[in-house]
Structures are given as structure tokens and as C-alpha cells.
C-alpha atoms as a PDB file:
ATOM      1  CA  UNK A   1      66.480 183.889  97.290  1.00  0.00           C
ATOM      2  CA  UNK A   2      64.426 181.192  98.983  1.00  0.00           C
ATOM      3  CA  UNK A   3      60.892 180.783  97.702  1.00  0.00           C
ATOM      4  CA  UNK A   4      58.283 181.172 100.354  1.00  0.00           C
ATOM      5  CA  UNK A   5      54.722 179.951 100.157  1.00  0.00           C
ATOM      6  CA  UNK A   6      52.035 181.405 102.335  1.00  0.00           C
ATOM      7  CA  UNK A   7      49.420 179.104 103.789  1.00  0.00           C
ATOM      8  CA  UNK A   8      46.063 179.946 102.221  1.00  0.00           C
ATOM      9  CA  UNK A   9      43.592 181.464 104.647  1.00  0.00           C
ATOM     10  CA  UNK A  10      40.439 179.397 104.749  1.00  0.00           C
ATOM     11  CA  UNK A  11      37.244 180.612 106.407  1.00  0.00           C
ATOM     12  CA  UNK A  12      36.434 179.339 109.866  1.00  0.00           C
ATOM     13  CA  UNK A  13      33.646 176.729 109.538  1.00  0.00           C
ATOM     14  CA  UNK A  14      32.443 177.497 113.072  1.00  0.00           C
ATOM     15  CA  UNK A  15      32.196 181.268 112.653  1.00  0.00           C
ATOM     16  CA  UNK A  16      28.827 182.510 113.881  1.00  0.00           C
ATOM     17  CA  UNK A  17      26.318 183.676 111.273  1.00  0.00           C
ATOM     18  CA  UNK A  18      22.981 185.207 112.170  1.00  0.00           C
ATOM     19  CA  UNK A  19      19.844 183.891 110.488  1.00  0.00           C
ATOM     20  CA  UNK A  20      17.104 186.428 111.277  1.00  0.00           C
ATOM     21  CA  UNK A  21      14.717 184.822 108.773  1.00  0.00           C
ATOM     22  CA  UNK A  22      14.829 181.619 110.836  1.00  0.00           C
ATOM     23  CA  UNK A  23      14.357 183.488 114.112  1.00  0.00           C
ATOM     24  CA  UNK A  24      11.359 185.406 112.758  1.00  0.00           C
ATOM     25  CA  UNK A  25       9.701 182.261 111.427  1.00  0.00           C
ATOM     26  CA  UNK A  26      10.164 180.334 114.670  1.00  0.00           C
ATOM     27  CA  UNK A  27       8.962 183.222 116.814  1.00  0.00           C
ATOM     28  CA  UNK A  28       5.930 183.579 114.551  1.00  0.00           C
ATOM     29  CA  UNK A  29       5.070 179.884 114.942  1.00  0.00           C
ATOM     30  CA  UNK A  30       5.480 180.027 118.716  1.00  0.00           C
ATOM     31  CA  UNK A  31       3.442 183.226 118.959  1.00  0.00           C
ATOM     32  CA  UNK A  32       0.673 181.822 116.751  1.00  0.00           C
ATOM     33  CA  UNK A  33       0.453 178.642 118.846  1.00  0.00           C
ATOM     34  CA  UNK A  34       0.319 180.584 122.113  1.00  0.00           C
ATOM     35  CA  UNK A  35      -2.323 182.964 120.724  1.00  0.00           C
ATOM     36  CA  UNK A  36      -4.529 180.108 119.543  1.00  0.00           C
ATOM     37  CA  UNK A  37      -4.250 178.304 122.874  1.00  0.00           C
ATOM     38  CA  UNK A  38      -4.727 181.347 125.100  1.00  0.00           C
ATOM     39  CA  UNK A  39      -7.240 183.403 123.113  1.00  0.00           C
ATOM     40  CA  UNK A  40      -9.138 181.073 120.751  1.00  0.00           C
ATOM     41  CA  UNK A  41      -8.905 177.890 122.799  1.00  0.00           C
ATOM     42  CA  UNK A  42     -11.130 178.883 125.751  1.00  0.00           C
ATOM     43  CA  UNK A  43     -13.888 179.811 123.290  1.00  0.00           C
ATOM     44  CA  UNK A  44     -13.579 176.643 121.232  1.00  0.00           C
ATOM     45  CA  UNK A  45     -13.733 174.042 124.024  1.00  0.00           C
ATOM     46  CA  UNK A  46     -16.371 173.409 126.721  1.00  0.00           C
ATOM     47  CA  UNK A  47     -16.080 175.442 129.906  1.00  0.00           C
ATOM     48  CA  UNK A  48     -13.640 173.942 132.368  1.00  0.00           C
ATOM     49  CA  UNK A  49     -11.777 172.000 129.661  1.00  0.00           C
ATOM     50  CA  UNK A  50      -8.115 172.691 128.925  1.00  0.00           C
ATOM     51  CA  UNK A  51      -7.541 173.763 125.289  1.00  0.00           C
ATOM     52  CA  UNK A  52      -4.373 171.637 125.064  1.00  0.00           C
ATOM     53  CA  UNK A  53      -2.923 168.853 127.157  1.00  0.00           C
ATOM     54  CA  UNK A  54       0.524 168.859 128.693  1.00  0.00           C
ATOM     55  CA  UNK A  55       1.545 166.157 126.258  1.00  0.00           C
ATOM     56  CA  UNK A  56       0.573 168.336 123.299  1.00  0.00           C
ATOM     57  CA  UNK A  57       2.589 171.238 124.710  1.00  0.00           C
ATOM     58  CA  UNK A  58       5.561 168.898 125.105  1.00  0.00           C
ATOM     59  CA  UNK A  59       5.197 167.704 121.498  1.00  0.00           C
ATOM     60  CA  UNK A  60       5.148 171.305 120.280  1.00  0.00           C
ATOM     61  CA  UNK A  61       8.219 172.256 122.313  1.00  0.00           C
ATOM     62  CA  UNK A  62      10.234 169.321 120.981  1.00  0.00           C
ATOM     63  CA  UNK A  63       9.000 169.777 117.415  1.00  0.00           C
ATOM     64  CA  UNK A  64       9.737 173.494 117.221  1.00  0.00           C
ATOM     65  CA  UNK A  65      13.034 172.955 119.039  1.00  0.00           C
ATOM     66  CA  UNK A  66      14.148 170.394 116.458  1.00  0.00           C
ATOM     67  CA  UNK A  67      13.162 172.698 113.599  1.00  0.00           C
ATOM     68  CA  UNK A  68      15.051 175.596 115.125  1.00  0.00           C
ATOM     69  CA  UNK A  69      18.133 173.490 115.874  1.00  0.00           C
ATOM     70  CA  UNK A  70      18.334 172.154 112.311  1.00  0.00           C
ATOM     71  CA  UNK A  71      17.672 175.539 110.669  1.00  0.00           C
ATOM     72  CA  UNK A  72      20.020 177.781 112.621  1.00  0.00           C
ATOM     73  CA  UNK A  73      23.761 178.097 113.215  1.00  0.00           C
ATOM     74  CA  UNK A  74      25.880 175.957 113.312  1.00  0.00           C
ATOM     75  CA  UNK A  75      23.941 173.053 111.759  1.00  0.00           C
ATOM     76  CA  UNK A  76      22.654 175.136 108.862  1.00  0.00           C
ATOM     77  CA  UNK A  77      26.050 176.662 108.042  1.00  0.00           C
ATOM     78  CA  UNK A  78      28.015 173.420 108.234  1.00  0.00           C
ATOM     79  CA  UNK A  79      25.363 171.555 106.248  1.00  0.00           C
ATOM     80  CA  UNK A  80      25.185 174.231 103.572  1.00  0.00           C
ATOM     81  CA  UNK A  81      28.895 174.803 103.042  1.00  0.00           C
ATOM     82  CA  UNK A  82      30.995 171.900 104.301  1.00  0.00           C
ATOM     83  CA  UNK A  83      29.373 168.516 104.980  1.00  0.00           C
ATOM     84  CA  UNK A  84      26.570 166.957 102.999  1.00  0.00           C
ATOM     85  CA  UNK A  85      26.016 164.468 105.823  1.00  0.00           C
ATOM     86  CA  UNK A  86      24.991 167.358 108.086  1.00  0.00           C
ATOM     87  CA  UNK A  87      22.770 168.643 105.283  1.00  0.00           C
ATOM     88  CA  UNK A  88      21.172 165.186 105.185  1.00  0.00           C
ATOM     89  CA  UNK A  89      20.607 165.320 108.933  1.00  0.00           C
ATOM     90  CA  UNK A  90      18.712 168.568 108.367  1.00  0.00           C
ATOM     91  CA  UNK A  91      16.478 166.830 105.855  1.00  0.00           C
ATOM     92  CA  UNK A  92      15.780 163.985 108.279  1.00  0.00           C
ATOM     93  CA  UNK A  93      14.643 166.496 110.904  1.00  0.00           C
ATOM     94  CA  UNK A  94      12.510 168.397 108.398  1.00  0.00           C
ATOM     95  CA  UNK A  95      10.965 165.242 106.907  1.00  0.00           C
ATOM     96  CA  UNK A  96      10.635 162.624 109.629  1.00  0.00           C
ATOM     97  CA  UNK A  97      11.354 163.854 113.150  1.00  0.00           C
ATOM     98  CA  UNK A  98       9.775 167.302 113.589  1.00  0.00           C
ATOM     99  CA  UNK A  99       6.565 167.090 111.470  1.00  0.00           C
ATOM    100  CA  UNK A 100       4.810 164.278 113.418  1.00  0.00           C
ATOM    101  CA  UNK A 101       5.622 165.999 116.714  1.00  0.00           C
ATOM    102  CA  UNK A 102       4.135 169.261 115.481  1.00  0.00           C
ATOM    103  CA  UNK A 103       1.011 167.524 114.185  1.00  0.00           C
ATOM    104  CA  UNK A 104       0.483 165.688 117.469  1.00  0.00           C
ATOM    105  CA  UNK A 105       0.726 169.018 119.291  1.00  0.00           C
ATOM    106  CA  UNK A 106      -2.333 170.372 117.458  1.00  0.00           C
ATOM    107  CA  UNK A 107      -5.710 169.606 119.085  1.00  0.00           C
ATOM    108  CA  UNK A 108      -8.711 168.927 116.873  1.00  0.00           C
ATOM    109  CA  UNK A 109     -10.408 172.253 117.657  1.00  0.00           C
ATOM    110  CA  UNK A 110      -7.289 174.152 116.565  1.00  0.00           C
ATOM    111  CA  UNK A 111      -7.030 172.255 113.283  1.00  0.00           C
ATOM    112  CA  UNK A 112     -10.704 172.832 112.477  1.00  0.00           C
ATOM    113  CA  UNK A 113     -10.346 176.520 113.350  1.00  0.00           C
ATOM    114  CA  UNK A 114      -7.400 176.898 110.962  1.00  0.00           C
ATOM    115  CA  UNK A 115      -8.984 174.885 108.155  1.00  0.00           C
ATOM    116  CA  UNK A 116     -12.503 176.276 108.444  1.00  0.00           C
ATOM    117  CA  UNK A 117     -15.450 174.902 106.469  1.00  0.00           C
ATOM    118  CA  UNK A 118     -14.997 176.493 103.048  1.00  0.00           C
ATOM    119  CA  UNK A 119     -12.567 176.221 100.170  1.00  0.00           C
ATOM    120  CA  UNK A 120      -9.554 175.704 102.439  1.00  0.00           C
ATOM    121  CA  UNK A 121     -11.188 172.618 103.919  1.00  0.00           C
ATOM    122  CA  UNK A 122     -11.927 171.189 100.459  1.00  0.00           C
ATOM    123  CA  UNK A 123      -8.349 171.787  99.352  1.00  0.00           C
ATOM    124  CA  UNK A 124      -6.977 170.162 102.508  1.00  0.00           C
ATOM    125  CA  UNK A 125      -9.312 167.189 102.095  1.00  0.00           C
ATOM    126  CA  UNK A 126      -7.751 166.630  98.667  1.00  0.00           C
ATOM    127  CA  UNK A 127      -4.132 167.330  99.618  1.00  0.00           C
ATOM    128  CA  UNK A 128      -4.243 165.002 102.624  1.00  0.00           C
ATOM    129  CA  UNK A 129      -5.317 161.995 100.591  1.00  0.00           C
ATOM    130  CA  UNK A 130      -2.548 159.397 101.101  1.00  0.00           C
ATOM    131  CA  UNK A 131      -1.775 159.053  97.396  1.00  0.00           C
ATOM    132  CA  UNK A 132      -1.553 162.811  96.812  1.00  0.00           C
ATOM    133  CA  UNK A 133       0.425 163.579  99.982  1.00  0.00           C
ATOM    134  CA  UNK A 134       2.767 160.593  99.597  1.00  0.00           C
ATOM    135  CA  UNK A 135       3.579 161.148  95.932  1.00  0.00           C
ATOM    136  CA  UNK A 136       4.114 164.906  96.352  1.00  0.00           C
ATOM    137  CA  UNK A 137       6.434 164.410  99.327  1.00  0.00           C
ATOM    138  CA  UNK A 138       8.548 161.716  97.686  1.00  0.00           C
ATOM    139  CA  UNK A 139       8.772 163.723  94.486  1.00  0.00           C
ATOM    140  CA  UNK A 140      10.304 166.614  96.413  1.00  0.00           C
ATOM    141  CA  UNK A 141      12.646 164.202  98.231  1.00  0.00           C
ATOM    142  CA  UNK A 142      13.966 162.936  94.891  1.00  0.00           C
ATOM    143  CA  UNK A 143      14.277 166.414  93.359  1.00  0.00           C
ATOM    144  CA  UNK A 144      16.167 167.838  96.354  1.00  0.00           C
ATOM    145  CA  UNK A 145      18.870 165.172  95.886  1.00  0.00           C
ATOM    146  CA  UNK A 146      19.572 165.929  92.226  1.00  0.00           C
ATOM    147  CA  UNK A 147      23.168 167.276  92.025  1.00  0.00           C
ATOM    148  CA  UNK A 148      22.190 170.334  89.960  1.00  0.00           C
ATOM    149  CA  UNK A 149      19.520 171.322  92.500  1.00  0.00           C
ATOM    150  CA  UNK A 150      21.800 170.711  95.496  1.00  0.00           C
ATOM    151  CA  UNK A 151      24.705 172.705  94.044  1.00  0.00           C
ATOM    152  CA  UNK A 152      22.389 175.570  93.050  1.00  0.00           C
ATOM    153  CA  UNK A 153      20.678 175.719  96.451  1.00  0.00           C
ATOM    154  CA  UNK A 154      23.981 175.945  98.302  1.00  0.00           C
ATOM    155  CA  UNK A 155      24.868 179.009  96.233  1.00  0.00           C
ATOM    156  CA  UNK A 156      21.529 180.749  96.750  1.00  0.00           C
ATOM    157  CA  UNK A 157      20.187 181.496 100.209  1.00  0.00           C
ATOM    158  CA  UNK A 158      16.584 182.188  99.077  1.00  0.00           C
ATOM    159  CA  UNK A 159      16.475 178.954  97.027  1.00  0.00           C
ATOM    160  CA  UNK A 160      17.906 176.955  99.920  1.00  0.00           C
ATOM    161  CA  UNK A 161      15.379 178.449 102.332  1.00  0.00           C
ATOM    162  CA  UNK A 162      12.490 177.893  99.902  1.00  0.00           C
ATOM    163  CA  UNK A 163      13.377 174.223  99.342  1.00  0.00           C
ATOM    164  CA  UNK A 164      13.512 173.596 103.076  1.00  0.00           C
ATOM    165  CA  UNK A 165      10.170 175.334 103.584  1.00  0.00           C
ATOM    166  CA  UNK A 166       8.635 173.258 100.777  1.00  0.00           C
ATOM    167  CA  UNK A 167      10.076 170.048 102.246  1.00  0.00           C
ATOM    168  CA  UNK A 168       8.639 170.749 105.710  1.00  0.00           C
ATOM    169  CA  UNK A 169       5.218 171.667 104.282  1.00  0.00           C
ATOM    170  CA  UNK A 170       4.943 168.495 102.211  1.00  0.00           C
ATOM    171  CA  UNK A 171       6.293 166.412 105.088  1.00  0.00           C
ATOM    172  CA  UNK A 172       3.450 167.718 107.257  1.00  0.00           C
ATOM    173  CA  UNK A 173       0.973 166.680 104.563  1.00  0.00           C
ATOM    174  CA  UNK A 174       2.631 163.275 104.280  1.00  0.00           C
ATOM    175  CA  UNK A 175       2.296 162.652 108.032  1.00  0.00           C
ATOM    176  CA  UNK A 176      -1.331 163.818 108.322  1.00  0.00           C
ATOM    177  CA  UNK A 177      -2.824 160.435 107.245  1.00  0.00           C
ATOM    178  CA  UNK A 178      -0.869 158.887 110.135  1.00  0.00           C
ATOM    179  CA  UNK A 179      -1.033 161.375 113.032  1.00  0.00           C
ATOM    180  CA  UNK A 180      -3.216 164.185 111.715  1.00  0.00           C
ATOM    181  CA  UNK A 181      -5.311 166.151 114.239  1.00  0.00           C
ATOM    182  CA  UNK A 182      -8.590 165.502 112.385  1.00  0.00           C
ATOM    183  CA  UNK A 183      -9.892 161.941 112.603  1.00  0.00           C
ATOM    184  CA  UNK A 184     -11.345 161.723 109.080  1.00  0.00           C
ATOM    185  CA  UNK A 185      -7.943 162.530 107.598  1.00  0.00           C
ATOM    186  CA  UNK A 186      -6.322 159.527 109.226  1.00  0.00           C
ATOM    187  CA  UNK A 187      -6.105 156.043 107.755  1.00  0.00           C
ATOM    188  CA  UNK A 188      -6.979 152.749 109.398  1.00  0.00           C
ATOM    189  CA  UNK A 189      -4.193 151.085 111.471  1.00  0.00           C
ATOM    190  CA  UNK A 190      -3.329 148.554 108.768  1.00  0.00           C
ATOM    191  CA  UNK A 191      -3.509 151.320 106.163  1.00  0.00           C
ATOM    192  CA  UNK A 192      -0.982 153.351 108.148  1.00  0.00           C
ATOM    193  CA  UNK A 193       1.386 150.383 108.258  1.00  0.00           C
ATOM    194  CA  UNK A 194       1.236 149.884 104.480  1.00  0.00           C
ATOM    195  CA  UNK A 195       1.493 153.630 103.848  1.00  0.00           C
ATOM    196  CA  UNK A 196       4.581 154.113 106.014  1.00  0.00           C
ATOM    197  CA  UNK A 197       6.264 151.076 104.508  1.00  0.00           C
ATOM    198  CA  UNK A 198       5.751 152.536 101.029  1.00  0.00           C
ATOM    199  CA  UNK A 199       7.084 155.888 102.248  1.00  0.00           C
ATOM    200  CA  UNK A 200      10.268 154.096 103.359  1.00  0.00           C
ATOM    201  CA  UNK A 201      11.003 152.708  99.891  1.00  0.00           C
ATOM    202  CA  UNK A 202      11.933 155.952  98.130  1.00  0.00           C
ATOM    203  CA  UNK A 203      14.641 157.112 100.623  1.00  0.00           C
ATOM    204  CA  UNK A 204      16.552 153.881 100.026  1.00  0.00           C
ATOM    205  CA  UNK A 205      17.188 154.872  96.385  1.00  0.00           C
ATOM    206  CA  UNK A 206      19.267 158.046  96.915  1.00  0.00           C
ATOM    207  CA  UNK A 207      20.713 156.522 100.098  1.00  0.00           C
ATOM    208  CA  UNK A 208      22.116 153.537  98.196  1.00  0.00           C
ATOM    209  CA  UNK A 209      23.319 155.827  95.427  1.00  0.00           C
ATOM    210  CA  UNK A 210      25.308 157.948  97.875  1.00  0.00           C
ATOM    211  CA  UNK A 211      26.781 154.961  99.721  1.00  0.00           C
ATOM    212  CA  UNK A 212      28.049 153.209  96.597  1.00  0.00           C
ATOM    213  CA  UNK A 213      28.980 156.238  94.462  1.00  0.00           C
ATOM    214  CA  UNK A 214      32.642 156.129  93.434  1.00  0.00           C
ATOM    215  CA  UNK A 215      33.208 159.781  92.547  1.00  0.00           C
ATOM    216  CA  UNK A 216      32.129 163.135  93.947  1.00  0.00           C
ATOM    217  CA  UNK A 217      28.368 163.450  93.603  1.00  0.00           C
ATOM    218  CA  UNK A 218      28.011 167.045  94.801  1.00  0.00           C
ATOM    219  CA  UNK A 219      30.934 169.169  93.663  1.00  0.00           C
ATOM    220  CA  UNK A 220      30.023 171.994  96.057  1.00  0.00           C
ATOM    221  CA  UNK A 221      31.039 169.833  99.027  1.00  0.00           C
ATOM    222  CA  UNK A 222      34.494 169.122  97.612  1.00  0.00           C
ATOM    223  CA  UNK A 223      35.949 171.782  99.904  1.00  0.00           C
ATOM    224  CA  UNK A 224      39.591 172.000 101.000  1.00  0.00           C
ATOM    225  CA  UNK A 225      38.413 172.416 104.608  1.00  0.00           C
ATOM    226  CA  UNK A 226      37.453 168.956 105.870  1.00  0.00           C
ATOM    227  CA  UNK A 227      35.620 168.844 109.181  1.00  0.00           C
ATOM    228  CA  UNK A 228      36.250 165.926 111.553  1.00  0.00           C
ATOM    229  CA  UNK A 229      38.663 164.401 109.054  1.00  0.00           C
ATOM    230  CA  UNK A 230      35.885 163.259 106.702  1.00  0.00           C
ATOM    231  CA  UNK A 231      36.860 162.980 103.058  1.00  0.00           C
ATOM    232  CA  UNK A 232      34.357 163.920 100.367  1.00  0.00           C
ATOM    233  CA  UNK A 233      33.498 160.283  99.681  1.00  0.00           C
ATOM    234  CA  UNK A 234      33.249 159.389 103.365  1.00  0.00           C
ATOM    235  CA  UNK A 235      30.946 162.376 103.818  1.00  0.00           C
ATOM    236  CA  UNK A 236      28.711 161.090 100.999  1.00  0.00           C
ATOM    237  CA  UNK A 237      28.624 157.603 102.507  1.00  0.00           C
ATOM    238  CA  UNK A 238      27.756 159.026 105.916  1.00  0.00           C
ATOM    239  CA  UNK A 239      24.926 161.014 104.303  1.00  0.00           C
ATOM    240  CA  UNK A 240      23.581 157.847 102.688  1.00  0.00           C
ATOM    241  CA  UNK A 241      23.738 155.984 106.008  1.00  0.00           C
ATOM    242  CA  UNK A 242      21.915 158.827 107.787  1.00  0.00           C
ATOM    243  CA  UNK A 243      19.206 158.800 105.149  1.00  0.00           C
ATOM    244  CA  UNK A 244      18.857 155.025 105.406  1.00  0.00           C
ATOM    245  CA  UNK A 245      18.731 154.944 109.194  1.00  0.00           C
ATOM    246  CA  UNK A 246      16.909 158.214 109.702  1.00  0.00           C
ATOM    247  CA  UNK A 247      14.415 157.590 106.933  1.00  0.00           C
ATOM    248  CA  UNK A 248      13.675 153.963 106.211  1.00  0.00           C
ATOM    249  CA  UNK A 249      14.548 152.471 109.603  1.00  0.00           C
ATOM    250  CA  UNK A 250      12.632 155.190 111.447  1.00  0.00           C
ATOM    251  CA  UNK A 251       9.512 154.555 109.376  1.00  0.00           C
ATOM    252  CA  UNK A 252       9.872 150.777 109.770  1.00  0.00           C
ATOM    253  CA  UNK A 253      10.076 151.176 113.546  1.00  0.00           C
ATOM    254  CA  UNK A 254       6.851 153.202 113.590  1.00  0.00           C
ATOM    255  CA  UNK A 255       5.184 150.665 111.286  1.00  0.00           C
ATOM    256  CA  UNK A 256       6.069 147.798 113.636  1.00  0.00           C
ATOM    257  CA  UNK A 257       4.846 149.799 116.630  1.00  0.00           C
ATOM    258  CA  UNK A 258       1.504 150.581 114.976  1.00  0.00           C
ATOM    259  CA  UNK A 259       1.031 146.967 113.928  1.00  0.00           C
ATOM    260  CA  UNK A 260       1.581 145.506 117.387  1.00  0.00           C
ATOM    261  CA  UNK A 261      -0.394 148.282 119.027  1.00  0.00           C
ATOM    262  CA  UNK A 262      -3.393 147.397 116.861  1.00  0.00           C
ATOM    263  CA  UNK A 263      -3.168 143.632 116.438  1.00  0.00           C
ATOM    264  CA  UNK A 264      -1.353 142.493 119.580  1.00  0.00           C
ATOM    265  CA  UNK A 265      -3.429 144.290 122.206  1.00  0.00           C
ATOM    266  CA  UNK A 266      -3.692 142.216 125.415  1.00  0.00           C
ATOM    267  CA  UNK A 267      -1.576 139.478 123.828  1.00  0.00           C
ATOM    268  CA  UNK A 268       0.209 138.724 127.111  1.00  0.00           C
ATOM    269  CA  UNK A 269      -3.035 138.551 129.059  1.00  0.00           C
ATOM    270  CA  UNK A 270      -4.760 136.342 126.502  1.00  0.00           C
ATOM    271  CA  UNK A 271      -1.882 133.860 126.269  1.00  0.00           C
ATOM    272  CA  UNK A 272      -0.637 133.655 129.851  1.00  0.00           C
ATOM    273  CA  UNK A 273      -0.940 130.658 132.155  1.00  0.00           C
ATOM    274  CA  UNK A 274      -1.167 132.932 135.205  1.00  0.00           C
ATOM    275  CA  UNK A 275      -4.714 133.269 136.485  1.00  0.00           C
ATOM    276  CA  UNK A 276      -6.162 136.745 136.505  1.00  0.00           C
ATOM    277  CA  UNK A 277      -6.726 138.467 139.809  1.00  0.00           C
ATOM    278  CA  UNK A 278     -10.437 138.699 139.100  1.00  0.00           C
ATOM    279  CA  UNK A 279     -12.466 135.788 137.723  1.00  0.00           C
ATOM    280  CA  UNK A 280     -14.204 136.599 134.428  1.00  0.00           C
ATOM    281  CA  UNK A 281     -17.944 137.075 134.753  1.00  0.00           C
ATOM    282  CA  UNK A 282     -18.586 134.170 132.367  1.00  0.00           C
ATOM    283  CA  UNK A 283     -16.945 131.782 134.851  1.00  0.00           C
ATOM    284  CA  UNK A 284     -18.785 132.999 137.932  1.00  0.00           C
ATOM    285  CA  UNK A 285     -21.631 130.611 138.917  1.00  0.00           C
ATOM    286  CA  UNK A 286     -22.039 131.539 142.530  1.00  0.00           C
ATOM    287  CA  UNK A 287     -20.602 133.750 145.211  1.00  0.00           C
ATOM    288  CA  UNK A 288     -17.000 134.234 144.213  1.00  0.00           C
ATOM    289  CA  UNK A 289     -15.717 134.992 147.704  1.00  0.00           C
ATOM    290  CA  UNK A 290     -16.856 131.654 149.298  1.00  0.00           C
ATOM    291  CA  UNK A 291     -14.527 128.728 148.693  1.00  0.00           C
ATOM    292  CA  UNK A 292     -16.207 125.649 147.161  1.00  0.00           C
ATOM    293  CA  UNK A 293     -15.589 122.493 149.269  1.00  0.00           C
ATOM    294  CA  UNK A 294     -16.057 118.733 148.705  1.00  0.00           C
ATOM    295  CA  UNK A 295     -18.980 118.727 151.124  1.00  0.00           C
ATOM    296  CA  UNK A 296     -20.728 121.408 149.054  1.00  0.00           C
ATOM    297  CA  UNK A 297     -20.342 119.313 145.909  1.00  0.00           C
ATOM    298  CA  UNK A 298     -21.643 116.151 147.640  1.00  0.00           C
ATOM    299  CA  UNK A 299     -24.596 118.042 149.020  1.00  0.00           C
ATOM    300  CA  UNK A 300     -25.443 119.441 145.594  1.00  0.00           C
ATOM    301  CA  UNK A 301     -25.396 115.983 144.006  1.00  0.00           C
ATOM    302  CA  UNK A 302     -27.565 114.665 146.875  1.00  0.00           C
ATOM    303  CA  UNK A 303     -30.207 117.265 146.151  1.00  0.00           C
ATOM    304  CA  UNK A 304     -30.425 116.270 142.488  1.00  0.00           C
ATOM    305  CA  UNK A 305     -33.571 114.354 141.474  1.00  0.00           C
ATOM    306  CA  UNK A 306     -32.468 110.899 140.133  1.00  0.00           C
ATOM    307  CA  UNK A 307     -35.520 110.735 137.859  1.00  0.00           C
ATOM    308  CA  UNK A 308     -34.463 113.989 136.226  1.00  0.00           C
ATOM    309  CA  UNK A 309     -30.930 112.671 135.652  1.00  0.00           C
ATOM    310  CA  UNK A 310     -32.294 109.457 134.035  1.00  0.00           C
ATOM    311  CA  UNK A 311     -34.623 111.520 131.861  1.00  0.00           C
ATOM    312  CA  UNK A 312     -31.729 113.680 130.616  1.00  0.00           C
ATOM    313  CA  UNK A 313     -29.625 110.584 129.838  1.00  0.00           C
ATOM    314  CA  UNK A 314     -32.450 108.762 127.965  1.00  0.00           C
ATOM    315  CA  UNK A 315     -32.158 108.488 124.153  1.00  0.00           C
ATOM    316  CA  UNK A 316     -33.682 111.377 122.287  1.00  0.00           C
ATOM    317  CA  UNK A 317     -32.704 113.958 124.906  1.00  0.00           C
END
């Protein structure tokens, strides 16, 4: 008899899976934002003033959209079961892309309403200190890349969900000194530049480790089903590249932008050879609209008292 071997049946990586916990959380966030804007906002701002600007609404839509996209099917399922590079993309969204958008969507009145003036405010004043927020965030970044933690989280839905929730929360705290809705929580422009540069240092450590690792770092992702033809090692290298570009390079770009926005304001105008359309007030000595002619100059010199000129030119004057 001829031996026959059946092809093993692997699960379909693109099979739809519902994530009601994600849907409920996103709907809660959207509902809370709408309630604050529609119900609390008109009472918290002067009459005739809009509670939020169109730009803030746009920031919220993009921020919540990114969170939803990275948390739901298919990104969540592929990142949890098949490709660590997709899992890394999730972390970039949770850490660097969505949090600043969400913070910029919150007006000052809304932040002060949520924080209040009691114990919550005192706790937030402490948590949003750059050293506290930065160290806590980077500590979680390092812990969530430890192989034991990664392998355990992919086997436990509640643990995976909790780690992502913790990462987003600490990322929001990390970004508050840069784009927080309350002015006293923010740093000076040069302080923001230094802070963001320091925040970019830590992601380069696990990123370099993943790029140059020779073996399989996360055994859970050594699956027989390989999406897009990526081997386990190529997947790890892609994850390291995403972390490097999505983390460090993104923060460097913002640092450069903040620096030039603060220290290179009106650089082109101050260093151009093209005359401005309007003469500066310091250069205006007469009626700007009347053209000065040679005859006017000659007449002015003719009206000058010679004795006064000699007096001004005499020694001691």
C-alpha cells in the first residue's frame, strides 16, 4: 500500500474575530468626549464661545481612529498570533502616534474639569513631571519587550489587553509635558527638545537587539504559517526597523520641528535681501508716501544754519 500524508490544516490568519471589549472601550471614549463637549462645554466656556475647535475635533477623530484600527481585527489578531512586526506597529500607534493627537484634542476647560482641584489634581501634578512620566513610560516599554512577558501575553487575552491599556495610559502621561492641555504641565521649548531626544534613546536598545539577533527571540511567533513570506528572523528585523523608525526617528522629527519653530522664527525675513513691503517704523523720518528727490535734499541743506554746523564740528562737541 502507498503511504499517504494529509496536509495539516492550519487556521486562517485572516479569519474574522470579534473584539467586543475594544468596541465598548472606543464607544465609551467617543460618548464621553461628545457628552463633555455638548453638555459640560457650554457651561464651562464664555457665552458665544465654541467648547472645542474644528482642529481639536479632527485630532480626536484621527487619534481614536488610530487606536481602534490598531486594537481591532485584523491588526490585533495578526500581531498577537503571527507577526511580531505587526505587534510592534501596534505599540508604535499606542505609544507615539495616537496619544499626542488625543491630548491635542482636549481643550483646557475639559482637562481642568476632569482633573478637578483636589487629590486628583495633586496626583496628576506629580505624575506629569517629566522625570516621573518619562521613566515610567520607558520602564513599561522595556518590560513589554522581555521574551517571557511577550510569550505570556500572547497566550492570555486579559494580560495582553491590560498591557496595552497600561502602555497607552503611560504614553499619555509621557506626552503631557510636550502637548498637554494644561499650560503649567508643559515644559519650555528647549526642555521639550531635550526631553523628546531622551525619550528616543530607549527604543533604540530593543530595536537594535531585534535587528541583530541571530536566533528566535520570541518563540510564540515561530509559527508554521508565514504571512507575506516573512521568515521568523525577517519578521524580527522588520519589528526592530519599525521600532527604530516609528519611535526614535518620529521623536527626532518632532524635536527638530520644535527647535526651529522656537529658535528660527522669522529667520527668512530677518536674513533676506528683499526689502519689506512696509518700511519699519524706526526708518520712517517723514511722510513715507512722498518720494524724496535731489531738490528736497539740496533745499534741506540750504536751510541749515552754517554757524550751527561749525559749532557741532568744533572740538569738545
